[in-house]
Amino acid sequence: MPSVIKIPRELADELDRLAGAERKARTAYVVDLLWRDVRRHKQRDALRLSAGTWKPADHPELAQGGAARVEQIRSEPDERFDEAIHR
């Protein structure tokens, strides 16, 4: 069911300008903004709820940081593809 939200004229004009720059109608632009904000709040809530559950002692492989671990994994040979490569 559609809803009506009253906003100040200045805000509507600004939204029209921004929406036009993205070649969108005001409604589509505002809906995208609202969904983006909802997702951001949900992510923030999830991070808040999970705070303290990750213990560095449980993950010594990440002692040098996540990026270093990813680089280590990428530099290791990948046996999963050996059979396919040697066919």
Protein backbone atom coordinates (compact mmCIF):
# COMPACT_ATOMS: atom_id res chain seq x y z
CA MET A 1 0.00 0.00 0.00
CA PRO A 2 1.55 3.36 -1.00
CA SER A 3 2.27 5.82 1.76
CA VAL A 4 2.59 9.56 1.67
CA ILE A 5 5.41 11.24 3.54
CA LYS A 6 5.32 15.01 3.70
CA ILE A 7 8.69 16.68 3.32
CA PRO A 8 9.73 20.33 3.11
CA ARG A 9 9.73 21.85 -0.39
CA GLU A 10 13.49 22.58 -0.18
CA LEU A 11 14.20 18.92 0.52
CA ALA A 12 11.95 17.82 -2.33
CA ASP A 13 13.79 20.15 -4.68
CA GLU A 14 17.15 18.80 -3.55
CA LEU A 15 15.95 15.22 -3.95
CA ASP A 16 14.70 16.01 -7.45
CA ARG A 17 18.09 17.46 -8.34
CA LEU A 18 19.97 14.43 -6.99
CA ALA A 19 17.55 11.95 -8.53
CA GLY A 20 17.81 13.69 -11.88
CA ALA A 21 21.59 13.41 -11.77
CA GLU A 22 21.13 9.63 -11.48
CA ARG A 23 18.34 9.65 -14.07
CA LYS A 24 15.79 8.40 -11.56
CA ALA A 25 12.40 9.58 -10.46
CA ARG A 26 12.24 11.10 -6.99
CA THR A 27 10.31 8.14 -5.58
CA ALA A 28 12.80 5.56 -6.89
CA TYR A 29 15.70 7.63 -5.63
CA VAL A 30 14.20 8.04 -2.16
CA VAL A 31 13.25 4.36 -1.93
CA ASP A 32 16.87 3.43 -2.77
CA LEU A 33 18.13 5.83 -0.10
CA LEU A 34 15.75 4.44 2.49
CA TRP A 35 16.66 0.81 1.75
CA ARG A 36 20.36 1.70 1.92
CA ASP A 37 19.82 3.28 5.33
CA VAL A 38 17.76 0.32 6.57
CA ARG A 39 20.53 -2.10 5.51
CA ARG A 40 23.15 0.09 7.19
CA HIS A 41 21.19 0.09 10.45
CA LYS A 42 20.71 -3.68 10.30
CA GLN A 43 24.42 -4.17 9.72
CA ARG A 44 25.25 -1.84 12.61
CA ASP A 45 22.85 -3.78 14.88
CA ALA A 46 24.40 -7.10 13.82
CA LEU A 47 27.89 -5.78 14.53
CA ARG A 48 26.76 -4.48 17.91
CA LEU A 49 25.19 -7.86 18.79
CA SER A 50 28.29 -9.78 17.72
CA ALA A 51 30.75 -7.52 19.54
CA GLY A 52 33.10 -9.59 21.69
CA THR A 53 32.30 -12.95 20.09
CA TRP A 54 35.46 -12.98 17.97
CA LYS A 55 38.45 -13.95 20.08
CA PRO A 56 41.94 -13.45 18.59
CA ALA A 57 43.16 -16.50 20.54
CA ASP A 58 40.70 -18.65 18.58
CA HIS A 59 42.15 -17.45 15.26
CA PRO A 60 45.96 -17.31 15.45
CA GLU A 61 46.10 -17.49 11.64
CA LEU A 62 44.85 -13.89 11.61
CA ALA A 63 47.50 -12.52 13.99
CA GLN A 64 49.10 -10.56 11.13
CA GLY A 65 45.72 -9.30 9.91
CA GLY A 66 43.08 -10.50 7.49
CA ALA A 67 44.80 -9.11 4.39
CA ALA A 68 48.03 -10.97 5.22
CA ARG A 69 46.08 -14.21 5.66
CA VAL A 70 44.35 -13.76 2.30
CA GLU A 71 47.70 -13.15 0.60
CA GLN A 72 49.09 -16.28 2.27
CA ILE A 73 46.18 -18.38 1.02
CA ARG A 74 46.54 -16.95 -2.48
CA SER A 75 50.26 -17.75 -2.57
CA GLU A 76 49.78 -21.40 -1.60
CA PRO A 77 49.45 -24.01 -4.36
CA ASP A 78 45.88 -25.05 -4.93
CA GLU A 79 45.75 -28.84 -5.16
CA ARG A 80 42.04 -28.75 -5.94
CA PHE A 81 42.80 -27.85 -9.55
CA ASP A 82 45.79 -30.13 -10.11
CA GLU A 83 43.71 -32.97 -11.58
CA ALA A 84 41.87 -30.65 -13.97
CA ILE A 85 45.11 -28.99 -15.11
CA HIS A 86 46.88 -32.31 -15.84
CA ARG A 87 44.08 -33.90 -17.90
